[in-house]
Amino acid sequence: MRKNTAPVFYKPFVKWVGGKGQLLSQLETYLPADFSSWEKATYIEPFVGGGAMLFHMLNKYKNISKAIINDINPDLVTAYRTIKKEPGNLISFLKGIEREYLSIKHDDDRKAYYLSKRELYNKKGHSQIENTGLFIFLNRTCFNGLYRVNRKGQFNVPFGRYSNPTICDDRTIWLDSEILQNVEILQGDYTKTIDFADKRTLFYFDPPYRPISATSNFNDYAKEAFGDNEQIRLREFCDKLDEYGYSFMLSNSDGVKVDDVEDDFMDMLYSKYIVERVFANRNINANASKRGKLTEILVRNYPLIKKDASTYNKFDVTTNQSIVSVVY
């Protein structure tokens, strides 16, 4: 039998609001120009979230010899560690819950099942397999794949009405387990990731975004708030990385030209670095008029970016118009 030689692509095992899957081609363009030639490169993501950028980097750059990920959300970190260590047991658990859920035919009954699992999940004290299985089940069946907790740390996202959700994606779990074998997985404050940096290190930051309006605050991934003081502390951490000679790239929301208000907080905060703008589609907002294509900022501390002759959308803040640019 002819061996299947199709390329293998690793991808996130959860849906994650604000995930970078749709922005990968643009983020790729803004990587350091010579990154592929870095010998024994170290790649660090202090706010890993769904991991779209992580899996992209590990897919493409075989010169990454060390990868470190971190997140403050303990259940998300437990999920990464469980997939790394016990993919088979996790798949068995998920297949069981998937069979139960899909056998329920009426939305009201499915909602009751969902709420019972949400209540169970919030009680905690589970094994890593059960905690991760419930985490993934809720992620696949809740409203818009949100992860939001209250100040007590309890998951409180409402039921999502999906007719045939994929609860157990066994192929993705097996593949992610394979690639995570060489990844160091941390949980806690992002500042400790500096201890793992080497001479040729690239940090990519995708922190909780600064809300651009009162109806767009969906950054409650953990019970600890991430307000403006935390944004400032993160910039100070980036200053330390820059001082030590490490490269970093950072994504965040763009407050300029939102609601006709010139909120240049992020531009001023990172004024000593290079600030670009990229397009992203965002559908999570209580106000429907504020969903759709928005700009995000992309900050970097290195001057030269990858050469790429492809075109992509950019944004001119002086005219509030989209433009098409080519990077050479």
C-alpha atoms as a PDB file:
ATOM      1  CA  MET A   1       0.000   0.000   0.000  1.00  0.00           C
ATOM      2  CA  ARG A   2       1.333   3.426  -0.910  1.00  0.00           C
ATOM      3  CA  LYS A   3       2.259   5.462   2.118  1.00  0.00           C
ATOM      4  CA  ASN A   4       0.308   8.700   2.585  1.00  0.00           C
ATOM      5  CA  THR A   5       2.830  11.499   2.086  1.00  0.00           C
ATOM      6  CA  ALA A   6       0.425  14.391   2.582  1.00  0.00           C
ATOM      7  CA  PRO A   7       1.868  17.050   4.899  1.00  0.00           C
ATOM      8  CA  VAL A   8       0.771  16.975   8.530  1.00  0.00           C
ATOM      9  CA  PHE A   9      -0.551  20.213   9.994  1.00  0.00           C
ATOM     10  CA  TYR A  10      -0.976  20.702  13.699  1.00  0.00           C
ATOM     11  CA  LYS A  11      -3.804  22.953  14.876  1.00  0.00           C
ATOM     12  CA  PRO A  12      -5.515  24.102  18.090  1.00  0.00           C
ATOM     13  CA  PHE A  13      -7.623  21.554  19.948  1.00  0.00           C
ATOM     14  CA  VAL A  14      -9.995  24.250  21.242  1.00  0.00           C
ATOM     15  CA  LYS A  15     -11.880  27.182  19.789  1.00  0.00           C
ATOM     16  CA  TRP A  16     -10.548  30.394  21.294  1.00  0.00           C
ATOM     17  CA  VAL A  17     -12.036  33.863  20.969  1.00  0.00           C
ATOM     18  CA  GLY A  18      -9.317  36.188  19.735  1.00  0.00           C
ATOM     19  CA  GLY A  19      -7.304  33.225  18.462  1.00  0.00           C
ATOM     20  CA  LYS A  20      -4.773  33.996  15.763  1.00  0.00           C
ATOM     21  CA  GLY A  21      -5.759  31.429  13.124  1.00  0.00           C
ATOM     22  CA  GLN A  22      -7.060  34.050  10.701  1.00  0.00           C
ATOM     23  CA  LEU A  23      -4.008  36.293  11.196  1.00  0.00           C
ATOM     24  CA  LEU A  24      -1.251  33.729  10.715  1.00  0.00           C
ATOM     25  CA  SER A  25      -0.284  34.888   7.225  1.00  0.00           C
ATOM     26  CA  GLN A  26       0.069  38.465   8.444  1.00  0.00           C
ATOM     27  CA  LEU A  27       1.928  37.486  11.603  1.00  0.00           C
ATOM     28  CA  GLU A  28       4.239  35.365   9.473  1.00  0.00           C
ATOM     29  CA  THR A  29       5.114  38.433   7.401  1.00  0.00           C
ATOM     30  CA  TYR A  30       6.190  40.365  10.484  1.00  0.00           C
ATOM     31  CA  LEU A  31       8.554  37.750  11.897  1.00  0.00           C
ATOM     32  CA  PRO A  32      12.257  38.650  12.048  1.00  0.00           C
ATOM     33  CA  ALA A  33      13.671  38.585   8.519  1.00  0.00           C
ATOM     34  CA  ASP A  34      16.274  35.934   9.314  1.00  0.00           C
ATOM     35  CA  PHE A  35      14.279  33.845  11.788  1.00  0.00           C
ATOM     36  CA  SER A  36      14.482  30.659   9.709  1.00  0.00           C
ATOM     37  CA  SER A  37      18.283  30.826   9.902  1.00  0.00           C
ATOM     38  CA  TRP A  38      18.480  31.229  13.670  1.00  0.00           C
ATOM     39  CA  GLU A  39      20.446  28.275  14.989  1.00  0.00           C
ATOM     40  CA  LYS A  40      18.745  26.432  17.862  1.00  0.00           C
ATOM     41  CA  ALA A  41      16.041  29.081  18.155  1.00  0.00           C
ATOM     42  CA  THR A  42      13.890  29.393  21.276  1.00  0.00           C
ATOM     43  CA  TYR A  43      10.238  30.306  20.861  1.00  0.00           C
ATOM     44  CA  ILE A  44       8.193  31.518  23.859  1.00  0.00           C
ATOM     45  CA  GLU A  45       4.479  32.297  24.154  1.00  0.00           C
ATOM     46  CA  PRO A  46       3.661  33.723  27.605  1.00  0.00           C
ATOM     47  CA  PHE A  47      -0.116  33.869  26.848  1.00  0.00           C
ATOM     48  CA  VAL A  48      -0.654  30.749  24.750  1.00  0.00           C
ATOM     49  CA  GLY A  49      -4.455  30.696  24.634  1.00  0.00           C
ATOM     50  CA  GLY A  50      -5.659  28.414  21.836  1.00  0.00           C
ATOM     51  CA  GLY A  51      -2.114  28.062  20.468  1.00  0.00           C
ATOM     52  CA  ALA A  52      -2.716  28.867  16.777  1.00  0.00           C
ATOM     53  CA  MET A  53       0.580  30.736  16.513  1.00  0.00           C
ATOM     54  CA  LEU A  54       2.418  28.046  18.486  1.00  0.00           C
ATOM     55  CA  PHE A  55       1.304  25.251  16.172  1.00  0.00           C
ATOM     56  CA  HIS A  56       2.065  27.379  13.112  1.00  0.00           C
ATOM     57  CA  MET A  57       5.606  28.090  14.302  1.00  0.00           C
ATOM     58  CA  LEU A  58       6.320  24.476  15.212  1.00  0.00           C
ATOM     59  CA  ASN A  59       4.864  23.328  11.891  1.00  0.00           C
ATOM     60  CA  LYS A  60       7.028  25.610   9.822  1.00  0.00           C
ATOM     61  CA  TYR A  61      10.287  26.263  11.658  1.00  0.00           C
ATOM     62  CA  LYS A  62      12.318  23.155  12.317  1.00  0.00           C
ATOM     63  CA  ASN A  63      15.147  25.308  13.664  1.00  0.00           C
ATOM     64  CA  ILE A  64      13.119  25.873  16.848  1.00  0.00           C
ATOM     65  CA  SER A  65      14.939  23.639  19.314  1.00  0.00           C
ATOM     66  CA  LYS A  66      13.086  24.797  22.416  1.00  0.00           C
ATOM     67  CA  ALA A  67       9.500  26.018  22.838  1.00  0.00           C
ATOM     68  CA  ILE A  68       7.935  27.303  26.037  1.00  0.00           C
ATOM     69  CA  ILE A  69       4.281  28.128  26.547  1.00  0.00           C
ATOM     70  CA  ASN A  70       2.522  29.630  29.543  1.00  0.00           C
ATOM     71  CA  ASP A  71      -0.945  30.717  30.549  1.00  0.00           C
ATOM     72  CA  ILE A  72      -2.514  31.931  33.769  1.00  0.00           C
ATOM     73  CA  ASN A  73      -5.628  29.816  33.172  1.00  0.00           C
ATOM     74  CA  PRO A  74      -4.988  26.569  35.119  1.00  0.00           C
ATOM     75  CA  ASP A  75      -7.650  24.565  33.264  1.00  0.00           C
ATOM     76  CA  LEU A  76      -6.226  25.499  29.875  1.00  0.00           C
ATOM     77  CA  VAL A  77      -2.728  24.541  31.024  1.00  0.00           C
ATOM     78  CA  THR A  78      -4.069  21.263  32.417  1.00  0.00           C
ATOM     79  CA  ALA A  79      -5.588  20.592  28.986  1.00  0.00           C
ATOM     80  CA  TYR A  80      -2.240  21.103  27.244  1.00  0.00           C
ATOM     81  CA  ARG A  81      -0.482  18.845  29.745  1.00  0.00           C
ATOM     82  CA  THR A  82      -3.160  16.158  29.481  1.00  0.00           C
ATOM     83  CA  ILE A  83      -3.014  16.114  25.683  1.00  0.00           C
ATOM     84  CA  LYS A  84       0.767  15.898  25.896  1.00  0.00           C
ATOM     85  CA  LYS A  85       0.793  12.994  28.366  1.00  0.00           C
ATOM     86  CA  GLU A  86      -2.512  11.093  28.074  1.00  0.00           C
ATOM     87  CA  PRO A  87      -4.112  11.590  24.647  1.00  0.00           C
ATOM     88  CA  GLY A  88      -5.597   8.088  24.483  1.00  0.00           C
ATOM     89  CA  ASN A  89      -7.385   8.285  27.839  1.00  0.00           C
ATOM     90  CA  LEU A  90      -8.671  11.759  26.997  1.00  0.00           C
ATOM     91  CA  ILE A  91     -10.066  10.560  23.673  1.00  0.00           C
ATOM     92  CA  SER A  92     -11.876   7.688  25.406  1.00  0.00           C
ATOM     93  CA  PHE A  93     -13.500  10.128  27.840  1.00  0.00           C
ATOM     94  CA  LEU A  94     -14.496  12.547  25.070  1.00  0.00           C
ATOM     95  CA  LYS A  95     -15.970   9.818  22.878  1.00  0.00           C
ATOM     96  CA  GLY A  96     -18.219   8.789  25.756  1.00  0.00           C
ATOM     97  CA  ILE A  97     -19.495  12.293  26.420  1.00  0.00           C
ATOM     98  CA  GLU A  98     -19.878  12.889  22.664  1.00  0.00           C
ATOM     99  CA  ARG A  99     -22.087   9.798  22.300  1.00  0.00           C
ATOM    100  CA  GLU A 100     -24.277  10.907  25.179  1.00  0.00           C
ATOM    101  CA  TYR A 101     -24.642  14.459  23.941  1.00  0.00           C
ATOM    102  CA  LEU A 102     -25.336  13.684  20.266  1.00  0.00           C
ATOM    103  CA  SER A 103     -27.938  11.082  21.222  1.00  0.00           C
ATOM    104  CA  ILE A 104     -30.022  13.909  22.717  1.00  0.00           C
ATOM    105  CA  LYS A 105     -32.298  15.243  19.975  1.00  0.00           C
ATOM    106  CA  HIS A 106     -34.008  18.295  21.489  1.00  0.00           C
ATOM    107  CA  ASP A 107     -32.266  21.594  22.205  1.00  0.00           C
ATOM    108  CA  ASP A 108     -33.875  22.043  25.619  1.00  0.00           C
ATOM    109  CA  ASP A 109     -32.617  18.627  26.711  1.00  0.00           C
ATOM    110  CA  ARG A 110     -29.171  19.355  25.306  1.00  0.00           C
ATOM    111  CA  LYS A 111     -29.133  22.637  27.189  1.00  0.00           C
ATOM    112  CA  ALA A 112     -29.975  20.842  30.432  1.00  0.00           C
ATOM    113  CA  TYR A 113     -27.161  18.347  29.781  1.00  0.00           C
ATOM    114  CA  TYR A 114     -24.741  21.210  29.040  1.00  0.00           C
ATOM    115  CA  LEU A 115     -25.671  23.060  32.229  1.00  0.00           C
ATOM    116  CA  SER A 116     -25.225  19.903  34.294  1.00  0.00           C
ATOM    117  CA  LYS A 117     -21.713  19.442  32.902  1.00  0.00           C
ATOM    118  CA  ARG A 118     -20.930  23.115  33.467  1.00  0.00           C
ATOM    119  CA  GLU A 119     -21.988  22.781  37.099  1.00  0.00           C
ATOM    120  CA  LEU A 120     -19.881  19.636  37.472  1.00  0.00           C
ATOM    121  CA  TYR A 121     -16.868  21.342  35.873  1.00  0.00           C
ATOM    122  CA  ASN A 122     -17.136  24.287  38.276  1.00  0.00           C
ATOM    123  CA  LYS A 123     -17.042  21.990  41.303  1.00  0.00           C
ATOM    124  CA  LYS A 124     -13.406  21.147  40.464  1.00  0.00           C
ATOM    125  CA  GLY A 125     -11.442  18.423  42.220  1.00  0.00           C
ATOM    126  CA  HIS A 126     -11.534  16.214  39.108  1.00  0.00           C
ATOM    127  CA  SER A 127      -8.791  14.092  37.604  1.00  0.00           C
ATOM    128  CA  GLN A 128      -6.804  15.721  34.807  1.00  0.00           C
ATOM    129  CA  ILE A 129      -8.627  13.564  32.256  1.00  0.00           C
ATOM    130  CA  GLU A 130     -12.101  14.481  33.503  1.00  0.00           C
ATOM    131  CA  ASN A 131     -11.245  18.169  33.954  1.00  0.00           C
ATOM    132  CA  THR A 132      -9.831  18.421  30.439  1.00  0.00           C
ATOM    133  CA  GLY A 133     -12.670  16.406  28.937  1.00  0.00           C
ATOM    134  CA  LEU A 134     -15.248  18.710  30.508  1.00  0.00           C
ATOM    135  CA  PHE A 135     -13.174  21.738  29.468  1.00  0.00           C
ATOM    136  CA  ILE A 136     -13.178  20.630  25.816  1.00  0.00           C
ATOM    137  CA  PHE A 137     -16.846  19.589  25.875  1.00  0.00           C
ATOM    138  CA  LEU A 138     -17.903  22.998  27.195  1.00  0.00           C
ATOM    139  CA  ASN A 139     -15.639  24.745  24.696  1.00  0.00           C
ATOM    140  CA  ARG A 140     -17.269  22.900  21.792  1.00  0.00           C
ATOM    141  CA  THR A 141     -20.870  23.360  22.946  1.00  0.00           C
ATOM    142  CA  CYS A 142     -20.951  26.763  24.629  1.00  0.00           C
ATOM    143  CA  PHE A 143     -21.883  30.058  22.984  1.00  0.00           C
ATOM    144  CA  ASN A 144     -19.305  31.012  20.320  1.00  0.00           C
ATOM    145  CA  GLY A 145     -16.513  29.006  21.941  1.00  0.00           C
ATOM    146  CA  LEU A 146     -16.065  31.684  24.598  1.00  0.00           C
ATOM    147  CA  TYR A 147     -14.027  31.055  27.710  1.00  0.00           C
ATOM    148  CA  ARG A 148     -15.163  33.438  30.410  1.00  0.00           C
ATOM    149  CA  VAL A 149     -15.129  33.137  34.182  1.00  0.00           C
ATOM    150  CA  ASN A 150     -16.537  35.238  37.003  1.00  0.00           C
ATOM    151  CA  ARG A 151     -14.517  36.656  39.888  1.00  0.00           C
ATOM    152  CA  LYS A 152     -14.842  33.312  41.693  1.00  0.00           C
ATOM    153  CA  GLY A 153     -13.175  31.608  38.754  1.00  0.00           C
ATOM    154  CA  GLN A 154     -16.349  29.808  37.689  1.00  0.00           C
ATOM    155  CA  PHE A 155     -17.036  29.212  34.001  1.00  0.00           C
ATOM    156  CA  ASN A 156     -20.289  31.014  33.152  1.00  0.00           C
ATOM    157  CA  VAL A 157     -20.715  30.967  29.368  1.00  0.00           C
ATOM    158  CA  PRO A 158     -24.259  30.073  28.218  1.00  0.00           C
ATOM    159  CA  PHE A 159     -25.272  27.154  26.033  1.00  0.00           C
ATOM    160  CA  GLY A 160     -24.600  27.319  22.282  1.00  0.00           C
ATOM    161  CA  ARG A 161     -27.082  25.770  19.880  1.00  0.00           C
ATOM    162  CA  TYR A 162     -24.994  23.666  17.467  1.00  0.00           C
ATOM    163  CA  SER A 163     -26.661  20.827  15.602  1.00  0.00           C
ATOM    164  CA  ASN A 164     -23.657  18.505  15.263  1.00  0.00           C
ATOM    165  CA  PRO A 165     -20.589  19.788  17.131  1.00  0.00           C
ATOM    166  CA  THR A 166     -17.308  17.861  16.983  1.00  0.00           C
ATOM    167  CA  ILE A 167     -16.596  17.139  20.620  1.00  0.00           C
ATOM    168  CA  CYS A 168     -13.875  14.533  20.128  1.00  0.00           C
ATOM    169  CA  ASP A 169     -11.403  15.456  17.379  1.00  0.00           C
ATOM    170  CA  ASP A 170      -9.133  12.479  17.950  1.00  0.00           C
ATOM    171  CA  ARG A 171      -6.800  13.161  15.015  1.00  0.00           C
ATOM    172  CA  THR A 172      -6.041  16.684  16.272  1.00  0.00           C
ATOM    173  CA  ILE A 173      -5.483  15.416  19.819  1.00  0.00           C
ATOM    174  CA  TRP A 174      -3.016  12.737  18.661  1.00  0.00           C
ATOM    175  CA  LEU A 175      -1.125  15.170  16.432  1.00  0.00           C
ATOM    176  CA  ASP A 176      -0.987  17.881  19.085  1.00  0.00           C
ATOM    177  CA  SER A 177       0.243  15.347  21.629  1.00  0.00           C
ATOM    178  CA  GLU A 178       3.052  14.443  19.253  1.00  0.00           C
ATOM    179  CA  ILE A 179       4.267  18.001  18.765  1.00  0.00           C
ATOM    180  CA  LEU A 180       3.826  18.994  22.413  1.00  0.00           C
ATOM    181  CA  GLN A 181       6.385  16.384  23.503  1.00  0.00           C
ATOM    182  CA  ASN A 182       9.113  18.970  22.937  1.00  0.00           C
ATOM    183  CA  VAL A 183       7.246  21.888  24.519  1.00  0.00           C
ATOM    184  CA  GLU A 184       7.712  23.089  28.098  1.00  0.00           C
ATOM    185  CA  ILE A 185       4.282  23.920  29.538  1.00  0.00           C
ATOM    186  CA  LEU A 186       4.093  26.474  32.370  1.00  0.00           C
ATOM    187  CA  GLN A 187       1.215  27.911  34.393  1.00  0.00           C
ATOM    188  CA  GLY A 188       1.181  31.249  36.175  1.00  0.00           C
ATOM    189  CA  ASP A 189       2.443  34.767  35.713  1.00  0.00           C
ATOM    190  CA  TYR A 190       3.990  35.421  32.315  1.00  0.00           C
ATOM    191  CA  THR A 191       7.112  37.130  33.699  1.00  0.00           C
ATOM    192  CA  LYS A 192       8.733  33.833  34.698  1.00  0.00           C
ATOM    193  CA  THR A 193       9.100  32.872  31.035  1.00  0.00           C
ATOM    194  CA  ILE A 194      12.190  35.086  30.812  1.00  0.00           C
ATOM    195  CA  ASP A 195      14.066  32.408  32.771  1.00  0.00           C
ATOM    196  CA  PHE A 196      13.807  30.122  29.723  1.00  0.00           C
ATOM    197  CA  ALA A 197      15.155  32.584  27.149  1.00  0.00           C
ATOM    198  CA  ASP A 198      18.401  31.872  25.327  1.00  0.00           C
ATOM    199  CA  LYS A 199      20.599  33.911  23.038  1.00  0.00           C
ATOM    200  CA  ARG A 200      18.313  33.577  19.998  1.00  0.00           C
ATOM    201  CA  THR A 201      14.812  33.869  21.447  1.00  0.00           C
ATOM    202  CA  LEU A 202      11.569  35.142  19.967  1.00  0.00           C
ATOM    203  CA  PHE A 203       8.677  35.997  22.286  1.00  0.00           C
ATOM    204  CA  TYR A 204       5.157  36.300  20.893  1.00  0.00           C
ATOM    205  CA  PHE A 205       2.605  37.957  23.169  1.00  0.00           C
ATOM    206  CA  ASP A 206      -1.140  37.592  22.711  1.00  0.00           C
ATOM    207  CA  PRO A 207      -2.388  38.935  26.065  1.00  0.00           C
ATOM    208  CA  PRO A 208      -5.966  39.698  27.099  1.00  0.00           C
ATOM    209  CA  TYR A 209      -6.868  42.586  24.817  1.00  0.00           C
ATOM    210  CA  ARG A 210      -7.598  46.050  26.100  1.00  0.00           C
ATOM    211  CA  PRO A 211     -11.345  46.621  25.539  1.00  0.00           C
ATOM    212  CA  ILE A 212     -12.059  49.113  22.758  1.00  0.00           C
ATOM    213  CA  SER A 213     -15.595  49.759  23.976  1.00  0.00           C
ATOM    214  CA  ALA A 214     -17.851  49.012  26.915  1.00  0.00           C
ATOM    215  CA  THR A 215     -19.456  46.128  24.987  1.00  0.00           C
ATOM    216  CA  SER A 216     -16.278  44.408  23.815  1.00  0.00           C
ATOM    217  CA  ASN A 217     -14.778  43.269  27.103  1.00  0.00           C
ATOM    218  CA  PHE A 218     -14.350  39.510  26.667  1.00  0.00           C
ATOM    219  CA  ASN A 219     -10.924  39.131  28.271  1.00  0.00           C
ATOM    220  CA  ASP A 220     -12.065  37.394  31.465  1.00  0.00           C
ATOM    221  CA  TYR A 221     -10.110  34.189  30.787  1.00  0.00           C
ATOM    222  CA  ALA A 222      -9.078  34.070  34.443  1.00  0.00           C
ATOM    223  CA  LYS A 223     -10.450  35.476  37.682  1.00  0.00           C
ATOM    224  CA  GLU A 224      -7.522  37.914  37.810  1.00  0.00           C
ATOM    225  CA  ALA A 225      -8.379  41.137  35.942  1.00  0.00           C
ATOM    226  CA  PHE A 226      -6.077  42.428  33.188  1.00  0.00           C
ATOM    227  CA  GLY A 227      -6.652  46.180  33.185  1.00  0.00           C
ATOM    228  CA  ASP A 228      -4.545  49.140  32.131  1.00  0.00           C
ATOM    229  CA  ASN A 229      -2.083  48.674  34.978  1.00  0.00           C
ATOM    230  CA  GLU A 230      -1.448  45.135  33.739  1.00  0.00           C
ATOM    231  CA  GLN A 231      -0.998  46.431  30.193  1.00  0.00           C
ATOM    232  CA  ILE A 232       1.629  48.828  31.530  1.00  0.00           C
ATOM    233  CA  ARG A 233       3.342  46.040  33.482  1.00  0.00           C
ATOM    234  CA  LEU A 234       3.464  43.958  30.312  1.00  0.00           C
ATOM    235  CA  ARG A 235       5.123  46.838  28.431  1.00  0.00           C
ATOM    236  CA  GLU A 236       7.687  47.084  31.214  1.00  0.00           C
ATOM    237  CA  PHE A 237       8.386  43.371  30.808  1.00  0.00           C
ATOM    238  CA  CYS A 238       8.861  43.932  27.069  1.00  0.00           C
ATOM    239  CA  ASP A 239      11.315  46.708  27.935  1.00  0.00           C
ATOM    240  CA  LYS A 240      13.314  44.186  29.952  1.00  0.00           C
ATOM    241  CA  LEU A 241      13.340  41.726  27.050  1.00  0.00           C
ATOM    242  CA  ASP A 242      14.512  44.485  24.725  1.00  0.00           C
ATOM    243  CA  GLU A 243      17.256  45.452  27.167  1.00  0.00           C
ATOM    244  CA  TYR A 244      18.450  41.828  27.287  1.00  0.00           C
ATOM    245  CA  GLY A 245      18.543  41.616  23.505  1.00  0.00           C
ATOM    246  CA  TYR A 246      15.587  39.268  22.984  1.00  0.00           C
ATOM    247  CA  SER A 247      13.163  39.755  20.090  1.00  0.00           C
ATOM    248  CA  PHE A 248       9.441  40.129  20.699  1.00  0.00           C
ATOM    249  CA  MET A 249       6.220  40.606  18.775  1.00  0.00           C
ATOM    250  CA  LEU A 250       2.952  41.558  20.493  1.00  0.00           C
ATOM    251  CA  SER A 251      -0.702  41.737  19.450  1.00  0.00           C
ATOM    252  CA  ASN A 252      -3.381  43.879  21.051  1.00  0.00           C
ATOM    253  CA  SER A 253      -6.544  45.821  20.285  1.00  0.00           C
ATOM    254  CA  ASP A 254      -6.499  49.076  18.352  1.00  0.00           C
ATOM    255  CA  GLY A 255      -8.441  51.883  20.008  1.00  0.00           C
ATOM    256  CA  VAL A 256      -7.756  54.454  17.309  1.00  0.00           C
ATOM    257  CA  LYS A 257     -10.797  55.428  15.191  1.00  0.00           C
ATOM    258  CA  VAL A 258     -13.219  53.415  17.332  1.00  0.00           C
ATOM    259  CA  ASP A 259     -16.497  55.248  18.008  1.00  0.00           C
ATOM    260  CA  ASP A 260     -14.815  58.346  16.548  1.00  0.00           C
ATOM    261  CA  VAL A 261     -12.612  58.549  19.618  1.00  0.00           C
ATOM    262  CA  GLU A 262      -8.855  58.847  19.278  1.00  0.00           C
ATOM    263  CA  ASP A 263      -7.825  56.381  21.997  1.00  0.00           C
ATOM    264  CA  ASP A 264      -4.085  56.152  21.452  1.00  0.00           C
ATOM    265  CA  PHE A 265      -3.299  54.402  24.736  1.00  0.00           C
ATOM    266  CA  MET A 266      -1.580  51.456  23.064  1.00  0.00           C
ATOM    267  CA  ASP A 267       0.294  53.616  20.543  1.00  0.00           C
ATOM    268  CA  MET A 268       1.676  55.761  23.325  1.00  0.00           C
ATOM    269  CA  LEU A 269       2.430  52.775  25.535  1.00  0.00           C
ATOM    270  CA  TYR A 270       4.623  51.197  22.843  1.00  0.00           C
ATOM    271  CA  SER A 271       5.863  54.421  21.249  1.00  0.00           C
ATOM    272  CA  LYS A 272       9.529  53.389  21.516  1.00  0.00           C
ATOM    273  CA  TYR A 273       8.845  50.304  19.364  1.00  0.00           C
ATOM    274  CA  ILE A 274       7.511  49.683  15.851  1.00  0.00           C
ATOM    275  CA  VAL A 275       3.702  49.618  15.786  1.00  0.00           C
ATOM    276  CA  GLU A 276       1.885  48.187  12.753  1.00  0.00           C
ATOM    277  CA  ARG A 277      -1.811  47.567  12.096  1.00  0.00           C
ATOM    278  CA  VAL A 278      -3.361  44.394  10.717  1.00  0.00           C
ATOM    279  CA  PHE A 279      -6.925  43.398   9.919  1.00  0.00           C
ATOM    280  CA  ALA A 280      -8.917  40.822  11.880  1.00  0.00           C
ATOM    281  CA  ASN A 281     -12.535  39.712  11.846  1.00  0.00           C
ATOM    282  CA  ARG A 282     -14.087  39.896  15.290  1.00  0.00           C
ATOM    283  CA  ASN A 283     -17.638  38.637  15.868  1.00  0.00           C
ATOM    284  CA  ILE A 284     -17.839  38.807  19.661  1.00  0.00           C
ATOM    285  CA  ASN A 285     -19.537  42.028  20.657  1.00  0.00           C
ATOM    286  CA  ALA A 286     -22.886  42.736  22.265  1.00  0.00           C
ATOM    287  CA  ASN A 287     -23.306  45.558  19.748  1.00  0.00           C
ATOM    288  CA  ALA A 288     -23.747  44.038  16.277  1.00  0.00           C
ATOM    289  CA  SER A 289     -22.560  47.226  14.579  1.00  0.00           C
ATOM    290  CA  LYS A 290     -19.126  46.752  16.150  1.00  0.00           C
ATOM    291  CA  ARG A 291     -18.545  43.271  14.798  1.00  0.00           C
ATOM    292  CA  GLY A 292     -16.714  42.527  11.569  1.00  0.00           C
ATOM    293  CA  LYS A 293     -13.345  43.630  10.221  1.00  0.00           C
ATOM    294  CA  LEU A 294     -11.333  45.623  12.743  1.00  0.00           C
ATOM    295  CA  THR A 295      -7.706  46.575  13.025  1.00  0.00           C
ATOM    296  CA  GLU A 296      -5.351  45.254  15.678  1.00  0.00           C
ATOM    297  CA  ILE A 297      -1.946  46.574  16.568  1.00  0.00           C
ATOM    298  CA  LEU A 298       1.211  44.545  16.135  1.00  0.00           C
ATOM    299  CA  VAL A 299       4.270  45.682  18.067  1.00  0.00           C
ATOM    300  CA  ARG A 300       7.852  44.540  17.449  1.00  0.00           C
ATOM    301  CA  ASN A 301      11.316  45.523  18.663  1.00  0.00           C
ATOM    302  CA  TYR A 302      13.306  44.430  15.606  1.00  0.00           C
ATOM    303  CA  PRO A 303      13.608  46.503  12.422  1.00  0.00           C
ATOM    304  CA  LEU A 304      13.808  43.928   9.647  1.00  0.00           C
ATOM    305  CA  ILE A 305      10.837  41.730   8.798  1.00  0.00           C
ATOM    306  CA  LYS A 306      10.442  38.785   6.457  1.00  0.00           C
ATOM    307  CA  LYS A 307      10.505  39.496   2.740  1.00  0.00           C
ATOM    308  CA  ASP A 308       7.174  38.604   1.215  1.00  0.00           C
ATOM    309  CA  ALA A 309       5.944  39.655  -2.225  1.00  0.00           C
ATOM    310  CA  SER A 310       2.329  38.790  -1.475  1.00  0.00           C
ATOM    311  CA  THR A 311      -0.237  41.504  -0.925  1.00  0.00           C
ATOM    312  CA  TYR A 312      -2.350  41.839   2.137  1.00  0.00           C
ATOM    313  CA  ASN A 313      -4.664  44.395   3.711  1.00  0.00           C
ATOM    314  CA  LYS A 314      -3.312  47.147   5.889  1.00  0.00           C
ATOM    315  CA  PHE A 315      -4.893  50.171   7.490  1.00  0.00           C
ATOM    316  CA  ASP A 316      -4.032  53.855   7.196  1.00  0.00           C
ATOM    317  CA  VAL A 317      -5.037  55.533  10.455  1.00  0.00           C
ATOM    318  CA  THR A 318      -4.567  59.005   8.988  1.00  0.00           C
ATOM    319  CA  THR A 319      -7.336  58.483   6.432  1.00  0.00           C
ATOM    320  CA  ASN A 320      -9.296  55.708   8.158  1.00  0.00           C
ATOM    321  CA  GLN A 321      -9.092  53.751   4.892  1.00  0.00           C
ATOM    322  CA  SER A 322      -7.937  50.268   4.052  1.00  0.00           C
ATOM    323  CA  ILE A 323      -5.015  50.046   1.654  1.00  0.00           C
ATOM    324  CA  VAL A 324      -3.149  47.249  -0.045  1.00  0.00           C
ATOM    325  CA  SER A 325       0.558  47.029   0.533  1.00  0.00           C
ATOM    326  CA  VAL A 326       3.400  44.846  -0.569  1.00  0.00           C
ATOM    327  CA  VAL A 327       6.264  44.040   1.770  1.00  0.00           C
ATOM    328  CA  TYR A 328       9.691  43.782   0.157  1.00  0.00           C
END
